[in-house]
C-alpha atoms as a PDB file:
ATOM      1  CA  MET A   1      14.849 -12.933  10.629  1.00  0.00           C
ATOM      2  CA  ALA A   2      11.869 -11.692   8.880  1.00  0.00           C
ATOM      3  CA  GLU A   3      10.734 -12.779   5.417  1.00  0.00           C
ATOM      4  CA  ILE A   4      11.513  -9.369   3.928  1.00  0.00           C
ATOM      5  CA  GLU A   5      14.201  -7.042   5.465  1.00  0.00           C
ATOM      6  CA  LEU A   6      15.861  -3.694   3.632  1.00  0.00           C
ATOM      7  CA  SER A   7      18.828  -2.223   4.882  1.00  0.00           C
ATOM      8  CA  ASP A   8      20.139   1.342   4.140  1.00  0.00           C
ATOM      9  CA  VAL A   9      18.575   0.503   0.559  1.00  0.00           C
ATOM     10  CA  MET A  10      19.196   3.470  -2.141  1.00  0.00           C
ATOM     11  CA  LYS A  11      18.054   2.941  -5.802  1.00  0.00           C
ATOM     12  CA  ARG A  12      19.238   5.590  -8.240  1.00  0.00           C
ATOM     13  CA  TYR A  13      18.419   6.107 -11.694  1.00  0.00           C
ATOM     14  CA  ARG A  14      20.960   8.205 -13.333  1.00  0.00           C
ATOM     15  CA  ASN A  15      21.226  11.521 -11.240  1.00  0.00           C
ATOM     16  CA  GLN A  16      17.719  10.982  -9.577  1.00  0.00           C
ATOM     17  CA  GLU A  17      17.395   8.958  -5.975  1.00  0.00           C
ATOM     18  CA  ALA A  18      14.144   6.684  -6.313  1.00  0.00           C
ATOM     19  CA  ILE A  19      14.827   5.261  -2.853  1.00  0.00           C
ATOM     20  CA  SER A  20      16.754   6.833  -0.264  1.00  0.00           C
ATOM     21  CA  SER A  21      18.386   5.208   2.512  1.00  0.00           C
ATOM     22  CA  LEU A  22      15.657   2.736   3.630  1.00  0.00           C
ATOM     23  CA  THR A  23      15.592   0.636   6.221  1.00  0.00           C
ATOM     24  CA  LEU A  24      12.462  -1.564   7.290  1.00  0.00           C
ATOM     25  CA  SER A  25      11.223  -4.876   8.198  1.00  0.00           C
ATOM     26  CA  ILE A  26       7.943  -6.191   6.912  1.00  0.00           C
ATOM     27  CA  PRO A  27       5.989  -8.290   9.319  1.00  0.00           C
ATOM     28  CA  ASP A  28       5.623 -11.596   8.625  1.00  0.00           C
ATOM     29  CA  GLN A  29       1.914 -13.342   7.895  1.00  0.00           C
ATOM     30  CA  SER A  30       0.307  -9.608   7.658  1.00  0.00           C
ATOM     31  CA  ILE A  31      -1.145  -7.714   5.389  1.00  0.00           C
ATOM     32  CA  THR A  32       0.730  -4.075   4.798  1.00  0.00           C
ATOM     33  CA  GLY A  33      -0.220  -1.413   2.965  1.00  0.00           C
ATOM     34  CA  LEU A  34       2.325   0.749   1.025  1.00  0.00           C
ATOM     35  CA  ILE A  35       1.103   4.021   0.518  1.00  0.00           C
ATOM     36  CA  GLY A  36       2.490   7.423  -0.685  1.00  0.00           C
ATOM     37  CA  PRO A  37       1.734  10.072  -3.571  1.00  0.00           C
ATOM     38  CA  ASN A  38       2.839   9.386  -7.291  1.00  0.00           C
ATOM     39  CA  GLY A  39       6.491   9.024  -7.432  1.00  0.00           C
ATOM     40  CA  ALA A  40       7.039   8.494  -3.801  1.00  0.00           C
ATOM     41  CA  GLY A  41       9.014   5.232  -4.659  1.00  0.00           C
ATOM     42  CA  LYS A  42       6.148   2.483  -4.134  1.00  0.00           C
ATOM     43  CA  THR A  43       6.770   0.444  -7.361  1.00  0.00           C
ATOM     44  CA  THR A  44      10.558   0.930  -7.042  1.00  0.00           C
ATOM     45  CA  LEU A  45      10.423  -0.581  -3.631  1.00  0.00           C
ATOM     46  CA  LEU A  46       8.109  -3.406  -4.878  1.00  0.00           C
ATOM     47  CA  ASN A  47      10.642  -3.997  -7.685  1.00  0.00           C
ATOM     48  CA  LEU A  48      13.476  -4.397  -5.383  1.00  0.00           C
ATOM     49  CA  MET A  49      11.482  -6.735  -3.257  1.00  0.00           C
ATOM     50  CA  ALA A  50      10.596  -8.976  -6.221  1.00  0.00           C
ATOM     51  CA  GLY A  51      14.106  -9.186  -7.550  1.00  0.00           C
ATOM     52  CA  ILE A  52      13.290  -6.984 -11.054  1.00  0.00           C
ATOM     53  CA  GLU A  53      15.743  -4.497  -9.907  1.00  0.00           C
ATOM     54  CA  ALA A  54      18.994  -4.287  -8.051  1.00  0.00           C
ATOM     55  CA  ALA A  55      19.698  -1.986  -5.344  1.00  0.00           C
ATOM     56  CA  THR A  56      22.043   0.560  -6.023  1.00  0.00           C
ATOM     57  CA  GLU A  57      23.541   0.308  -2.360  1.00  0.00           C
ATOM     58  CA  GLY A  58      22.656  -1.611   0.667  1.00  0.00           C
ATOM     59  CA  ASP A  59      21.372  -4.892   1.240  1.00  0.00           C
ATOM     60  CA  VAL A  60      17.510  -6.164   0.224  1.00  0.00           C
ATOM     61  CA  SER A  61      16.711  -9.539   2.015  1.00  0.00           C
ATOM     62  CA  VAL A  62      13.827 -12.048   0.908  1.00  0.00           C
ATOM     63  CA  PHE A  63      13.671 -15.452   2.848  1.00  0.00           C
ATOM     64  CA  GLY A  64      17.273 -14.497   3.905  1.00  0.00           C
ATOM     65  CA  ASN A  65      18.553 -14.163   0.173  1.00  0.00           C
ATOM     66  CA  GLU A  66      19.261 -11.445  -2.473  1.00  0.00           C
ATOM     67  CA  PRO A  67      15.891 -11.791  -4.179  1.00  0.00           C
ATOM     68  CA  LEU A  68      17.686 -10.712  -7.926  1.00  0.00           C
ATOM     69  CA  GLU A  69      17.672 -13.674 -10.179  1.00  0.00           C
ATOM     70  CA  ASN A  70      17.183 -15.854  -7.211  1.00  0.00           C
ATOM     71  CA  LEU A  71      14.976 -18.888  -8.350  1.00  0.00           C
ATOM     72  CA  SER A  72      14.078 -19.759  -4.721  1.00  0.00           C
ATOM     73  CA  VAL A  73      12.678 -16.265  -3.909  1.00  0.00           C
ATOM     74  CA  ALA A  74      10.878 -16.478  -7.498  1.00  0.00           C
ATOM     75  CA  ALA A  75       9.134 -19.809  -6.495  1.00  0.00           C
ATOM     76  CA  ASN A  76       7.823 -18.430  -3.280  1.00  0.00           C
ATOM     77  CA  LEU A  77       7.049 -14.663  -4.024  1.00  0.00           C
ATOM     78  CA  PHE A  78       3.982 -13.556  -6.713  1.00  0.00           C
ATOM     79  CA  TYR A  79       4.411  -9.956  -7.873  1.00  0.00           C
ATOM     80  CA  VAL A  80       0.939  -8.425  -9.466  1.00  0.00           C
ATOM     81  CA  HIS A  81       1.781  -5.225 -11.498  1.00  0.00           C
ATOM     82  CA  GLU A  82       0.008  -3.864 -14.242  1.00  0.00           C
ATOM     83  CA  ASP A  83       2.569  -5.121 -16.732  1.00  0.00           C
ATOM     84  CA  MET A  84       1.934  -8.755 -16.543  1.00  0.00           C
ATOM     85  CA  MET A  85       1.966 -10.646 -19.684  1.00  0.00           C
ATOM     86  CA  TYR A  86       0.417 -14.216 -20.771  1.00  0.00           C
ATOM     87  CA  PRO A  87       1.102 -16.188 -23.683  1.00  0.00           C
ATOM     88  CA  GLN A  88      -0.914 -14.062 -26.589  1.00  0.00           C
ATOM     89  CA  ASP A  89      -2.466 -17.585 -27.946  1.00  0.00           C
ATOM     90  CA  PHE A  90      -3.872 -18.838 -24.486  1.00  0.00           C
ATOM     91  CA  ARG A  91      -7.237 -18.424 -23.376  1.00  0.00           C
ATOM     92  CA  ILE A  92      -7.365 -17.675 -19.780  1.00  0.00           C
ATOM     93  CA  SER A  93      -8.357 -21.283 -18.733  1.00  0.00           C
ATOM     94  CA  GLU A  94      -5.083 -22.088 -20.270  1.00  0.00           C
ATOM     95  CA  VAL A  95      -3.193 -19.507 -18.186  1.00  0.00           C
ATOM     96  CA  TYR A  96      -4.680 -20.839 -15.263  1.00  0.00           C
ATOM     97  CA  GLN A  97      -3.352 -24.451 -15.951  1.00  0.00           C
ATOM     98  CA  ALA A  98      -0.276 -23.044 -16.526  1.00  0.00           C
ATOM     99  CA  PHE A  99      -0.044 -21.313 -12.935  1.00  0.00           C
ATOM    100  CA  LYS A 100      -1.522 -24.662 -11.201  1.00  0.00           C
ATOM    101  CA  LYS A 101       1.740 -26.553 -12.971  1.00  0.00           C
ATOM    102  CA  VAL A 102       4.084 -24.012 -11.434  1.00  0.00           C
ATOM    103  CA  TYR A 103       2.726 -22.973  -8.343  1.00  0.00           C
ATOM    104  CA  PRO A 104       2.071 -25.727  -5.696  1.00  0.00           C
ATOM    105  CA  ASN A 105      -0.490 -23.924  -3.603  1.00  0.00           C
ATOM    106  CA  TRP A 106      -2.557 -22.761  -6.508  1.00  0.00           C
ATOM    107  CA  ASP A 107      -6.220 -22.975  -5.777  1.00  0.00           C
ATOM    108  CA  GLN A 108      -8.008 -23.564  -8.953  1.00  0.00           C
ATOM    109  CA  ALA A 109     -11.188 -23.364  -7.487  1.00  0.00           C
ATOM    110  CA  LEU A 110     -10.777 -19.835  -5.990  1.00  0.00           C
ATOM    111  CA  ALA A 111      -9.547 -18.714  -9.548  1.00  0.00           C
ATOM    112  CA  GLU A 112     -12.712 -19.867 -11.325  1.00  0.00           C
ATOM    113  CA  ASN A 113     -15.089 -19.153  -8.739  1.00  0.00           C
ATOM    114  CA  LEU A 114     -13.759 -15.162  -8.798  1.00  0.00           C
ATOM    115  CA  SER A 115     -13.792 -15.665 -12.699  1.00  0.00           C
ATOM    116  CA  ASP A 116     -17.285 -16.310 -12.979  1.00  0.00           C
ATOM    117  CA  HIS A 117     -18.209 -13.615 -10.003  1.00  0.00           C
ATOM    118  CA  PHE A 118     -16.524 -10.973 -12.090  1.00  0.00           C
ATOM    119  CA  ASN A 119     -17.669 -12.201 -15.273  1.00  0.00           C
ATOM    120  CA  ILE A 120     -14.713 -12.666 -16.773  1.00  0.00           C
ATOM    121  CA  SER A 121     -15.268 -15.817 -19.091  1.00  0.00           C
ATOM    122  CA  LEU A 122     -12.519 -18.580 -19.278  1.00  0.00           C
ATOM    123  CA  LYS A 123     -12.968 -18.860 -23.134  1.00  0.00           C
ATOM    124  CA  GLN A 124     -11.427 -15.240 -22.987  1.00  0.00           C
ATOM    125  CA  MET A 125      -7.723 -14.253 -23.898  1.00  0.00           C
ATOM    126  CA  PRO A 126      -6.069 -11.919 -21.774  1.00  0.00           C
ATOM    127  CA  MET A 127      -5.343  -9.490 -24.675  1.00  0.00           C
ATOM    128  CA  ASP A 128      -8.938  -9.147 -25.193  1.00  0.00           C
ATOM    129  CA  LEU A 129      -9.789  -7.582 -21.807  1.00  0.00           C
ATOM    130  CA  SER A 130     -10.461  -4.348 -21.010  1.00  0.00           C
ATOM    131  CA  LYS A 131      -8.102  -2.420 -18.467  1.00  0.00           C
ATOM    132  CA  GLY A 132     -10.265  -2.867 -15.371  1.00  0.00           C
ATOM    133  CA  GLN A 133     -10.657  -6.672 -16.366  1.00  0.00           C
ATOM    134  CA  ALA A 134      -7.288  -7.184 -17.319  1.00  0.00           C
ATOM    135  CA  SER A 135      -6.540  -5.569 -13.526  1.00  0.00           C
ATOM    136  CA  THR A 136      -8.928  -7.797 -11.974  1.00  0.00           C
ATOM    137  CA  LEU A 137      -7.427 -10.934 -13.870  1.00  0.00           C
ATOM    138  CA  ASN A 138      -4.119 -10.104 -12.467  1.00  0.00           C
ATOM    139  CA  ALA A 139      -5.768  -9.615  -8.759  1.00  0.00           C
ATOM    140  CA  ILE A 140      -7.202 -13.014  -9.262  1.00  0.00           C
ATOM    141  CA  ILE A 141      -4.213 -14.862 -10.006  1.00  0.00           C
ATOM    142  CA  GLY A 142      -2.636 -13.005  -7.316  1.00  0.00           C
ATOM    143  CA  LEU A 143      -5.151 -14.402  -4.702  1.00  0.00           C
ATOM    144  CA  ALA A 144      -5.021 -17.592  -6.186  1.00  0.00           C
ATOM    145  CA  VAL A 145      -1.107 -18.710  -6.111  1.00  0.00           C
ATOM    146  CA  GLN A 146      -1.239 -18.239  -2.426  1.00  0.00           C
ATOM    147  CA  THR A 147       2.768 -17.724  -2.122  1.00  0.00           C
ATOM    148  CA  PRO A 148       4.309 -16.876   0.907  1.00  0.00           C
ATOM    149  CA  VAL A 149       4.902 -13.686  -0.120  1.00  0.00           C
ATOM    150  CA  THR A 150       2.479 -11.589  -2.595  1.00  0.00           C
ATOM    151  CA  LEU A 151       3.099  -8.178  -3.691  1.00  0.00           C
ATOM    152  CA  PHE A 152       0.502  -6.287  -5.337  1.00  0.00           C
ATOM    153  CA  ASP A 153       1.339  -2.952  -7.169  1.00  0.00           C
ATOM    154  CA  GLU A 154      -1.816  -0.830  -7.460  1.00  0.00           C
ATOM    155  CA  PRO A 155      -4.070  -4.054  -8.265  1.00  0.00           C
ATOM    156  CA  THR A 156      -7.227  -1.976  -8.390  1.00  0.00           C
ATOM    157  CA  THR A 157      -6.365   0.191 -11.509  1.00  0.00           C
ATOM    158  CA  GLY A 158      -9.366   0.726 -13.877  1.00  0.00           C
ATOM    159  CA  MET A 159     -11.629  -1.109 -11.565  1.00  0.00           C
ATOM    160  CA  ASP A 160     -15.037   0.513 -10.683  1.00  0.00           C
ATOM    161  CA  TYR A 161     -15.694   0.772  -6.807  1.00  0.00           C
ATOM    162  CA  GLY A 162     -18.051  -2.167  -6.442  1.00  0.00           C
ATOM    163  CA  VAL A 163     -15.488  -4.302  -7.982  1.00  0.00           C
ATOM    164  CA  ARG A 164     -12.798  -2.882  -5.558  1.00  0.00           C
ATOM    165  CA  LYS A 165     -14.848  -3.890  -2.678  1.00  0.00           C
ATOM    166  CA  ASP A 166     -15.174  -7.336  -3.693  1.00  0.00           C
ATOM    167  CA  PHE A 167     -11.666  -7.851  -4.397  1.00  0.00           C
ATOM    168  CA  TYR A 168     -10.835  -6.408  -0.944  1.00  0.00           C
ATOM    169  CA  ARG A 169     -13.187  -8.681   0.683  1.00  0.00           C
ATOM    170  CA  ALA A 170     -11.878 -11.815  -1.327  1.00  0.00           C
ATOM    171  CA  LEU A 171      -8.229 -10.915  -0.179  1.00  0.00           C
ATOM    172  CA  LEU A 172      -9.301 -10.474   3.227  1.00  0.00           C
ATOM    173  CA  LYS A 173     -11.093 -14.040   2.965  1.00  0.00           C
ATOM    174  CA  SER A 174      -8.134 -15.845   1.061  1.00  0.00           C
ATOM    175  CA  TYR A 175      -5.630 -14.046   3.778  1.00  0.00           C
ATOM    176  CA  ILE A 176      -7.653 -15.696   6.767  1.00  0.00           C
ATOM    177  CA  ALA A 177      -8.115 -18.757   5.231  1.00  0.00           C
ATOM    178  CA  HIS A 178      -4.413 -19.167   4.094  1.00  0.00           C
ATOM    179  CA  PRO A 179      -2.362 -16.323   6.546  1.00  0.00           C
ATOM    180  CA  ARG A 180       0.713 -15.371   4.212  1.00  0.00           C
ATOM    181  CA  THR A 181       3.062 -11.851   3.915  1.00  0.00           C
ATOM    182  CA  ILE A 182       0.735  -9.542   1.638  1.00  0.00           C
ATOM    183  CA  ILE A 183       1.730  -5.845   0.776  1.00  0.00           C
ATOM    184  CA  LEU A 184      -0.558  -3.907  -1.040  1.00  0.00           C
ATOM    185  CA  SER A 185       0.345  -0.572  -2.849  1.00  0.00           C
ATOM    186  CA  SER A 186      -2.185   1.998  -3.418  1.00  0.00           C
ATOM    187  CA  HIS A 187      -3.048   5.170  -2.954  1.00  0.00           C
ATOM    188  CA  LEU A 188      -6.694   4.853  -2.077  1.00  0.00           C
ATOM    189  CA  LEU A 189      -5.746   4.477   1.667  1.00  0.00           C
ATOM    190  CA  ASN A 190      -9.367   5.285   2.584  1.00  0.00           C
ATOM    191  CA  GLU A 191     -10.904   2.226   1.208  1.00  0.00           C
ATOM    192  CA  LEU A 192      -8.098  -0.176   2.783  1.00  0.00           C
ATOM    193  CA  GLU A 193      -8.479   1.042   6.637  1.00  0.00           C
ATOM    194  CA  ASP A 194     -10.210  -2.060   7.555  1.00  0.00           C
ATOM    195  CA  LEU A 195      -8.033  -4.404   5.853  1.00  0.00           C
ATOM    196  CA  LEU A 196      -4.702  -3.547   6.295  1.00  0.00           C
ATOM    197  CA  GLU A 197      -2.596  -4.506   9.909  1.00  0.00           C
ATOM    198  CA  HIS A 198       0.245  -2.203   8.787  1.00  0.00           C
ATOM    199  CA  VAL A 199       1.126   0.861   7.015  1.00  0.00           C
ATOM    200  CA  ILE A 200       4.340   2.447   5.251  1.00  0.00           C
ATOM    201  CA  LEU A 201       4.225   5.616   3.783  1.00  0.00           C
ATOM    202  CA  LEU A 202       6.803   6.725   1.684  1.00  0.00           C
ATOM    203  CA  ASP A 203       7.458  10.177   0.477  1.00  0.00           C
ATOM    204  CA  HIS A 204      10.050  11.232  -2.268  1.00  0.00           C
ATOM    205  CA  GLY A 205      11.682   8.044  -1.959  1.00  0.00           C
ATOM    206  CA  GLU A 206      11.935   8.366   1.913  1.00  0.00           C
ATOM    207  CA  LEU A 207      10.159   6.293   4.826  1.00  0.00           C
ATOM    208  CA  GLU A 208       7.792   8.884   6.434  1.00  0.00           C
ATOM    209  CA  LEU A 209       6.526   6.168   8.850  1.00  0.00           C
ATOM    210  CA  MET A 210       5.523   2.897   9.407  1.00  0.00           C
ATOM    211  CA  MET A 211       3.292   1.632  11.906  1.00  0.00           C
ATOM    212  CA  GLU A 212       0.280  -0.641  12.922  1.00  0.00           C
ATOM    213  CA  MET A 213      -3.356   0.582  11.045  1.00  0.00           C
ATOM    214  CA  ASP A 214      -5.023   1.038  14.634  1.00  0.00           C
ATOM    215  CA  LYS A 215      -1.824   3.073  15.792  1.00  0.00           C
ATOM    216  CA  LEU A 216      -1.863   5.625  12.816  1.00  0.00           C
ATOM    217  CA  LYS A 217      -5.705   6.156  13.628  1.00  0.00           C
ATOM    218  CA  GLN A 218      -4.666   7.591  16.674  1.00  0.00           C
ATOM    219  CA  TYR A 219      -1.591   9.285  15.489  1.00  0.00           C
ATOM    220  CA  ALA A 220      -3.045  12.750  15.052  1.00  0.00           C
ATOM    221  CA  VAL A 221      -6.291  14.813  16.174  1.00  0.00           C
ATOM    222  CA  GLY A 222      -7.923  17.544  14.564  1.00  0.00           C
ATOM    223  CA  LEU A 223      -8.431  20.824  16.419  1.00  0.00           C
ATOM    224  CA  VAL A 224     -11.051  23.665  15.605  1.00  0.00           C
ATOM    225  CA  GLY A 225     -10.762  27.041  17.708  1.00  0.00           C
ATOM    226  CA  GLU A 226      -9.069  30.485  17.935  1.00  0.00           C
ATOM    227  CA  TYR A 227      -5.317  30.736  17.836  1.00  0.00           C
ATOM    228  CA  ASP A 228      -3.884  29.625  20.936  1.00  0.00           C
ATOM    229  CA  SER A 229      -0.437  29.668  22.479  1.00  0.00           C
ATOM    230  CA  MET A 230      -1.201  26.131  24.115  1.00  0.00           C
ATOM    231  CA  ILE A 231      -0.618  24.240  20.887  1.00  0.00           C
ATOM    232  CA  ASP A 232       3.063  23.495  20.266  1.00  0.00           C
ATOM    233  CA  GLN A 233       4.090  24.512  17.045  1.00  0.00           C
ATOM    234  CA  GLN A 234       6.286  21.329  16.684  1.00  0.00           C
ATOM    235  CA  THR A 235       3.401  19.155  16.525  1.00  0.00           C
ATOM    236  CA  ILE A 236       1.396  20.855  13.871  1.00  0.00           C
ATOM    237  CA  LEU A 237       1.330  18.851  10.645  1.00  0.00           C
ATOM    238  CA  TYR A 238      -1.453  20.639   8.953  1.00  0.00           C
ATOM    239  CA  GLN A 239      -3.406  24.072   9.545  1.00  0.00           C
ATOM    240  CA  ASP A 240      -5.861  25.750   7.525  1.00  0.00           C
ATOM    241  CA  ARG A 241      -8.026  29.377   8.364  1.00  0.00           C
ATOM    242  CA  MET A 242     -11.734  28.494   8.389  1.00  0.00           C
ATOM    243  CA  ASP A 243     -12.966  32.287   9.022  1.00  0.00           C
ATOM    244  CA  LEU A 244     -11.762  35.176  10.767  1.00  0.00           C
ATOM    245  CA  ASN A 245     -12.041  33.718  14.023  1.00  0.00           C
ATOM    246  CA  GLN A 246     -11.617  30.068  13.553  1.00  0.00           C
ATOM    247  CA  GLN A 247      -8.872  27.846  12.533  1.00  0.00           C
ATOM    248  CA  TYR A 248      -8.374  24.023  11.986  1.00  0.00           C
ATOM    249  CA  TRP A 249      -5.072  22.517  12.936  1.00  0.00           C
ATOM    250  CA  VAL A 250      -3.943  18.783  12.576  1.00  0.00           C
ATOM    251  CA  ILE A 251      -1.336  18.034  15.276  1.00  0.00           C
ATOM    252  CA  LYS A 252       0.321  14.821  16.760  1.00  0.00           C
ATOM    253  CA  HIS A 253      -1.872  13.269  19.331  1.00  0.00           C
ATOM    254  CA  PRO A 254      -0.619  14.844  22.939  1.00  0.00           C
ATOM    255  CA  GLY A 255      -2.542  12.539  25.155  1.00  0.00           C
ATOM    256  CA  GLU A 256      -5.655  12.575  26.821  1.00  0.00           C
ATOM    257  CA  ASP A 257      -4.676  15.057  29.617  1.00  0.00           C
ATOM    258  CA  MET A 258      -3.655  17.669  27.141  1.00  0.00           C
ATOM    259  CA  LEU A 259      -7.125  17.044  24.987  1.00  0.00           C
ATOM    260  CA  GLN A 260      -9.161  17.784  27.888  1.00  0.00           C
ATOM    261  CA  GLU A 261      -7.270  21.088  28.587  1.00  0.00           C
ATOM    262  CA  LEU A 262      -7.666  22.050  25.012  1.00  0.00           C
ATOM    263  CA  ARG A 263     -11.537  21.285  25.468  1.00  0.00           C
ATOM    264  CA  GLN A 264     -11.555  23.088  28.294  1.00  0.00           C
ATOM    265  CA  HIS A 265     -10.044  26.175  26.525  1.00  0.00           C
ATOM    266  CA  GLY A 266     -12.890  25.939  23.794  1.00  0.00           C
ATOM    267  CA  PHE A 267     -11.234  23.832  21.386  1.00  0.00           C
ATOM    268  CA  THR A 268     -13.325  21.514  19.415  1.00  0.00           C
ATOM    269  CA  ILE A 269     -11.502  17.899  18.989  1.00  0.00           C
ATOM    270  CA  SER A 270     -11.838  15.468  16.403  1.00  0.00           C
ATOM    271  CA  PRO A 271     -10.575  12.364  14.709  1.00  0.00           C
ATOM    272  CA  VAL A 272      -8.241  12.347  11.959  1.00  0.00           C
ATOM    273  CA  ALA A 273      -8.561   9.771   8.475  1.00  0.00           C
ATOM    274  CA  PRO A 274      -5.350   7.812   8.037  1.00  0.00           C
ATOM    275  CA  ALA A 275      -5.900   8.901   4.440  1.00  0.00           C
ATOM    276  CA  ASP A 276      -6.152  12.384   5.229  1.00  0.00           C
ATOM    277  CA  LEU A 277      -3.117  12.270   7.920  1.00  0.00           C
ATOM    278  CA  CYS A 278      -0.861  10.622   5.048  1.00  0.00           C
ATOM    279  CA  VAL A 279      -1.866  13.525   2.584  1.00  0.00           C
ATOM    280  CA  TYR A 280      -0.553  15.900   5.670  1.00  0.00           C
ATOM    281  CA  LEU A 281       2.623  14.290   6.066  1.00  0.00           C
ATOM    282  CA  THR A 282       3.172  14.027   2.391  1.00  0.00           C
ATOM    283  CA  GLN A 283       2.288  17.942   1.951  1.00  0.00           C
ATOM    284  CA  MET A 284       4.389  19.353   5.008  1.00  0.00           C
ATOM    285  CA  ASN A 285       7.453  20.398   2.644  1.00  0.00           C
ATOM    286  CA  ARG A 286       5.472  21.408  -0.340  1.00  0.00           C
ATOM    287  CA  GLY A 287       2.470  23.301   1.456  1.00  0.00           C
ATOM    288  CA  ASP A 288      -1.446  23.092  -0.019  1.00  0.00           C
ATOM    289  CA  VAL A 289      -2.287  24.180  -3.437  1.00  0.00           C
ATOM    290  CA  ASP A 290      -3.573  27.448  -1.794  1.00  0.00           C
ATOM    291  CA  HIS A 291      -0.178  29.330  -1.953  1.00  0.00           C
ATOM    292  CA  VAL A 292      -0.336  29.115  -6.014  1.00  0.00           C
ATOM    293  CA  PHE A 293      -2.963  31.740  -6.061  1.00  0.00           C
END
């Protein structure tokens, strides 16, 4: 049994479904990206996994247990999110000492070294940090606790690009040194391509796809050319007119033989970035912004 499994899970708030009939199994000891537009259900899903909320229907299993109000799950799972709170009279050094007492795998040296690298003084109080610094502190703690499962909900909010890059690098090195199950919610898939092993794409609370990152990179191709009946309309994920004679299509990968045929008919073939593909997949039901004008 996988450490995290969901079966026919639905989460409803009043008359609105945030998660709809979701079934999935998170690969153990891997870094999985939870991707989707705002309102896709990413935070709700993480809340269910962390035991902060209960599913309206279906089963959520973490380490074989229902996570809601489960001390065993809480001791082995850590959830990094922007609403994390610390005692108001604690300095960061005292916050670290508190975590050291609770989590047996806490890496004090890593926490202190990362704090120094990111220019966060251990003498500061968390409440005095800027938004970007607060996100960095939360991320440092998420790396240092080294629980078997760690959930990160948009951990880089407020961080500048350089800090985000260093955080991704630190996460990867920490994971390599201490393999564990990490789920990283983000809308910045273009920054995470080299970090993630698997991708879960949510849209309107439903599972759009779940696959290995390497396969996602091969999931679709871009075509440029004139309209041609060779293109299977059922495989088109996105299309746009470039000029009077040229169009751009994104289609599900048709296989190498078909790609060769398309080249012979004058089509230019190009790869599709996973971040762009996820946008196309979640835009299919509403179209692009051009139809507004």
